[in-house]
Amino acid sequence: MTPLVAVIVPALDEEAALPAVLDHLSDQDPCLEVIVVDGGSRDDTLVLARAHPLRPRVLVEPGGRARQLNVGAAAARAPLLCFLHADSRLPPDGIGSLRAALRDPALIGGNFDLRFDGADRFSRLLTAWYAVQRRAGIYYGDSTVWVRAAAFAALGGYRELPIMDDYDFVRRMERQGRTACLPGPATTSPRRWQALGVPRTVLSWIVIRWLWIAGVPAERLARLYRAIR
């Protein structure tokens, strides 16, 4: 049977996080298409992906995250694509929610209600703020973006930007048709501000987003963003 949902996991130097997310997907649904797209890892990410009992399809694309996502989408057979970060998790019935969304022909895509997986005050505050932003149609890849494969193709996929590729895609998808924030919560890791600190993390997010809106090229903005693993 052709699976209804393909989960695409972009990975780069994620040996610490990848096995756990694949274990998580093993518990979701036996008829799930799982594709891991490695971005040229220098650690054991590829080895762990290929050895995992889930036996995901493993691809290699070192051209940046947006290209990883596009390559994964092109390889998928399922009519619905779900892009899951290695440090994120779907809700317990996340695949069921995606299948229900697929049955609604008016929906082209969306994301999940999100909770940052930390006990600290900032995690709770950011969780609340993300909910407010979602009402305005603003969300990012860490909230697990999903989209019909046909709509993804019509949008031309992700633009291959070094940063803000998820924000750019979501804004274009919101203009294309009706979307939905599926119940959750999905969760994602607080590892960024645990590594960099809250003030530096918030400042970088605010500066990058508003410079992007002002038209500063993504190539320049990427210098302000430090990858955390």
Protein backbone atom coordinates (compact mmCIF):
# COMPACT_ATOMS: atom_id res chain seq x y z
CA MET A 1 0.00 0.00 0.00
CA THR A 2 1.14 3.53 -0.74
CA PRO A 3 1.41 5.37 2.60
CA LEU A 4 -0.78 8.42 3.11
CA VAL A 5 1.81 10.42 5.07
CA ALA A 6 5.53 10.91 4.46
CA VAL A 7 7.60 12.28 7.34
CA ILE A 8 10.76 13.99 6.12
CA VAL A 9 13.51 14.55 8.69
CA PRO A 10 16.37 16.88 7.70
CA ALA A 11 19.53 16.14 9.64
CA LEU A 12 22.99 17.62 10.00
CA ASP A 13 25.30 16.39 12.76
CA GLU A 14 22.31 15.04 14.70
CA GLU A 15 23.78 11.83 16.12
CA ALA A 16 22.51 12.78 19.59
CA ALA A 17 18.93 13.51 18.48
CA LEU A 18 18.21 11.33 15.45
CA PRO A 19 17.84 7.88 17.08
CA ALA A 20 15.23 9.24 19.50
CA VAL A 21 13.12 10.85 16.79
CA LEU A 22 13.22 7.65 14.74
CA ASP A 23 12.17 5.68 17.84
CA HIS A 24 9.33 8.18 18.22
CA LEU A 25 8.21 7.66 14.62
CA SER A 26 8.37 3.88 15.08
CA ASP A 27 5.64 4.26 17.70
CA GLN A 28 3.41 6.45 15.53
CA ASP A 29 2.15 4.27 12.68
CA PRO A 30 3.40 1.12 10.91
CA CYS A 31 2.27 2.45 7.51
CA LEU A 32 4.36 5.60 7.64
CA GLU A 33 6.85 6.66 5.00
CA VAL A 34 9.94 8.03 6.74
CA ILE A 35 12.73 9.79 4.84
CA VAL A 36 15.91 11.08 6.48
CA VAL A 37 17.87 13.58 4.40
CA ASP A 38 21.38 14.12 5.69
CA GLY A 39 23.07 17.42 4.95
CA GLY A 40 26.65 16.15 4.98
CA SER A 41 27.10 15.20 8.63
CA ARG A 42 30.60 14.78 10.02
CA ASP A 43 29.42 12.67 12.96
CA ASP A 44 27.60 9.31 13.02
CA THR A 45 24.21 10.63 11.89
CA LEU A 46 24.26 8.65 8.63
CA VAL A 47 25.44 5.45 10.29
CA LEU A 48 22.71 5.65 12.92
CA ALA A 49 19.99 6.46 10.36
CA ARG A 50 20.91 3.48 8.17
CA ALA A 51 21.17 1.10 11.11
CA HIS A 52 17.91 2.06 12.81
CA PRO A 53 15.23 -0.71 13.00
CA LEU A 54 12.66 1.64 11.45
CA ARG A 55 14.67 1.39 8.22
CA PRO A 56 13.93 4.89 6.92
CA ARG A 57 14.88 5.83 3.43
CA VAL A 58 18.18 7.70 3.81
CA LEU A 59 19.28 10.33 1.29
CA VAL A 60 22.27 12.67 1.27
CA GLU A 61 22.04 16.29 0.11
CA PRO A 62 24.70 18.71 1.40
CA GLY A 63 23.22 21.80 -0.24
CA GLY A 64 21.47 23.29 2.80
CA ARG A 65 18.27 22.55 4.73
CA ALA A 66 15.85 23.85 2.10
CA ARG A 67 17.40 21.61 -0.52
CA GLN A 68 17.29 18.69 1.92
CA LEU A 69 13.55 19.23 2.35
CA ASN A 70 12.99 19.51 -1.40
CA VAL A 71 14.97 16.34 -2.08
CA GLY A 72 12.99 14.48 0.58
CA ALA A 73 9.69 15.73 -0.85
CA ALA A 74 10.69 14.69 -4.37
CA ALA A 75 11.46 11.17 -3.15
CA ALA A 76 8.19 10.77 -1.20
CA ARG A 77 5.32 8.68 -2.55
CA ALA A 78 2.68 9.79 -0.04
CA PRO A 79 0.13 12.50 -0.91
CA LEU A 80 0.85 14.42 2.30
CA LEU A 81 4.28 15.64 3.42
CA CYS A 82 5.24 16.35 7.03
CA PHE A 83 8.57 18.04 7.78
CA LEU A 84 9.81 17.07 11.25
CA HIS A 85 12.99 18.45 12.82
CA ALA A 86 15.27 15.96 14.58
CA ASP A 87 14.70 17.66 17.95
CA SER A 88 10.90 17.80 17.56
CA ARG A 89 8.10 15.31 18.23
CA LEU A 90 4.60 14.83 16.87
CA PRO A 91 1.61 14.68 19.21
CA PRO A 92 0.56 11.15 20.25
CA ASP A 93 -2.12 11.06 17.52
CA GLY A 94 -0.27 13.31 15.12
CA ILE A 95 -0.48 10.92 12.17
CA GLY A 96 -4.20 10.46 12.78
CA SER A 97 -4.64 14.23 12.67
CA LEU A 98 -2.71 14.42 9.41
CA ARG A 99 -4.84 11.70 7.84
CA ALA A 100 -7.99 13.55 8.91
CA ALA A 101 -6.63 16.76 7.36
CA LEU A 102 -5.93 14.90 4.15
CA ARG A 103 -9.62 13.95 3.96
CA ASP A 104 -10.59 17.64 3.93
CA PRO A 105 -10.10 18.79 0.33
CA ALA A 106 -10.22 22.45 1.38
CA LEU A 107 -6.99 22.18 3.38
CA ILE A 108 -3.65 22.48 1.63
CA GLY A 109 -1.36 22.41 4.66
CA GLY A 110 -0.49 23.92 8.00
CA ASN A 111 1.35 22.98 11.17
CA PHE A 112 0.74 21.73 14.73
CA ASP A 113 -0.02 23.48 17.97
CA LEU A 114 3.43 23.73 19.57
CA ARG A 115 4.90 23.43 23.04
CA PHE A 116 8.56 24.08 23.82
CA ASP A 117 9.76 21.11 25.81
CA GLY A 118 11.30 22.87 28.79
CA ALA A 119 10.30 23.46 32.40
CA ASP A 120 11.78 26.96 32.44
CA ARG A 121 9.71 30.14 32.35
CA PHE A 122 10.96 31.19 28.91
CA SER A 123 9.77 27.90 27.36
CA ARG A 124 6.28 28.56 28.72
CA LEU A 125 6.34 32.17 27.55
CA LEU A 126 7.49 31.25 24.05
CA THR A 127 4.86 28.53 23.82
CA ALA A 128 2.18 31.16 24.55
CA TRP A 129 3.71 33.63 22.09
CA TYR A 130 3.80 31.05 19.29
CA ALA A 131 0.06 30.46 19.81
CA VAL A 132 -0.59 34.19 19.42
CA GLN A 133 1.52 34.39 16.25
CA ARG A 134 -0.22 31.37 14.74
CA ARG A 135 -3.54 33.22 14.79
CA ALA A 136 -1.91 35.71 12.41
CA GLY A 137 -0.69 32.90 10.15
CA ILE A 138 2.91 33.17 11.33
CA TYR A 139 4.76 29.96 12.18
CA TYR A 140 8.05 28.21 11.52
CA GLY A 141 9.50 24.80 10.81
CA ASP A 142 9.88 23.92 14.48
CA SER A 143 6.08 23.63 14.71
CA THR A 144 6.20 20.74 12.17
CA VAL A 145 4.94 22.07 8.86
CA TRP A 146 2.80 19.75 6.72
CA VAL A 147 1.45 20.20 3.20
CA ARG A 148 -0.22 18.24 0.43
CA ALA A 149 2.36 17.01 -2.06
CA ALA A 150 0.40 18.60 -4.91
CA ALA A 151 0.31 21.97 -3.16
CA PHE A 152 4.03 21.70 -2.37
CA ALA A 153 4.74 21.15 -6.07
CA ALA A 154 2.49 24.04 -7.08
CA LEU A 155 4.37 26.34 -4.69
CA GLY A 156 7.71 25.24 -6.11
CA GLY A 157 8.78 23.78 -2.78
CA TYR A 158 11.13 25.59 -0.44
CA ARG A 159 13.20 28.39 -1.88
CA GLU A 160 16.82 27.43 -1.35
CA LEU A 161 17.69 30.12 1.15
CA PRO A 162 20.38 29.80 3.84
CA ILE A 163 17.92 31.06 6.46
CA MET A 164 14.20 31.98 6.71
CA ASP A 165 13.34 29.24 4.21
CA ASP A 166 10.58 27.95 6.49
CA TYR A 167 9.09 31.40 7.12
CA ASP A 168 9.18 32.15 3.38
CA PHE A 169 7.47 28.87 2.52
CA VAL A 170 4.77 29.28 5.16
CA ARG A 171 3.93 32.81 4.02
CA ARG A 172 3.54 31.61 0.43
CA MET A 173 1.45 28.63 1.54
CA GLU A 174 -0.84 30.88 3.60
CA ARG A 175 -1.52 32.96 0.48
CA GLN A 176 -2.13 29.85 -1.64
CA GLY A 177 -5.06 28.35 0.25
CA ARG A 178 -6.65 27.35 3.52
CA THR A 179 -4.40 25.98 6.26
CA ALA A 180 -4.97 24.54 9.73
CA CYS A 181 -3.13 24.37 13.02
CA LEU A 182 -3.70 20.76 14.08
CA PRO A 183 -4.20 19.88 17.75
CA GLY A 184 -1.22 18.84 19.77
CA PRO A 185 0.87 19.80 21.20
CA ALA A 186 3.80 18.88 19.07
CA THR A 187 6.98 19.53 21.01
CA THR A 188 10.39 20.91 20.17
CA SER A 189 13.63 21.27 22.08
CA PRO A 190 14.72 24.39 23.97
CA ARG A 191 18.35 23.60 23.11
CA ARG A 192 18.95 26.91 21.31
CA TRP A 193 18.51 29.21 24.28
CA GLN A 194 19.96 26.64 26.64
CA ALA A 195 23.17 26.89 24.60
CA LEU A 196 23.16 30.60 23.74
CA GLY A 197 21.13 32.12 26.57
CA VAL A 198 17.70 33.73 26.36
CA PRO A 199 18.75 37.36 25.63
CA ARG A 200 21.01 36.45 22.74
CA THR A 201 18.48 34.02 21.30
CA VAL A 202 15.59 36.50 21.41
CA LEU A 203 17.69 39.31 19.98
CA SER A 204 18.84 37.21 17.05
CA TRP A 205 15.26 36.12 16.26
CA ILE A 206 13.91 39.68 16.36
CA VAL A 207 16.76 41.17 14.35
CA ILE A 208 16.74 38.46 11.68
CA ARG A 209 12.97 38.50 11.18
CA TRP A 210 12.67 42.28 10.84
CA LEU A 211 15.72 42.59 8.63
CA TRP A 212 14.20 39.90 6.41
CA ILE A 213 10.92 41.80 6.23
CA ALA A 214 12.91 44.93 5.38
CA GLY A 215 14.46 43.12 2.42
CA VAL A 216 17.94 42.22 3.67
CA PRO A 217 19.19 39.18 1.66
CA ALA A 218 19.11 35.83 3.41
CA GLU A 219 22.81 35.31 2.68
CA ARG A 220 23.66 38.27 4.91
CA LEU A 221 21.18 37.27 7.62
CA ALA A 222 22.65 33.77 7.82
CA ARG A 223 25.81 35.27 9.33
CA LEU A 224 23.75 36.30 12.36
CA TYR A 225 22.45 32.80 13.03
CA ARG A 226 24.48 30.15 14.82
CA ALA A 227 23.53 26.50 14.32
CA ILE A 228 23.04 24.55 17.57
CA ARG A 229 23.21 20.77 17.91
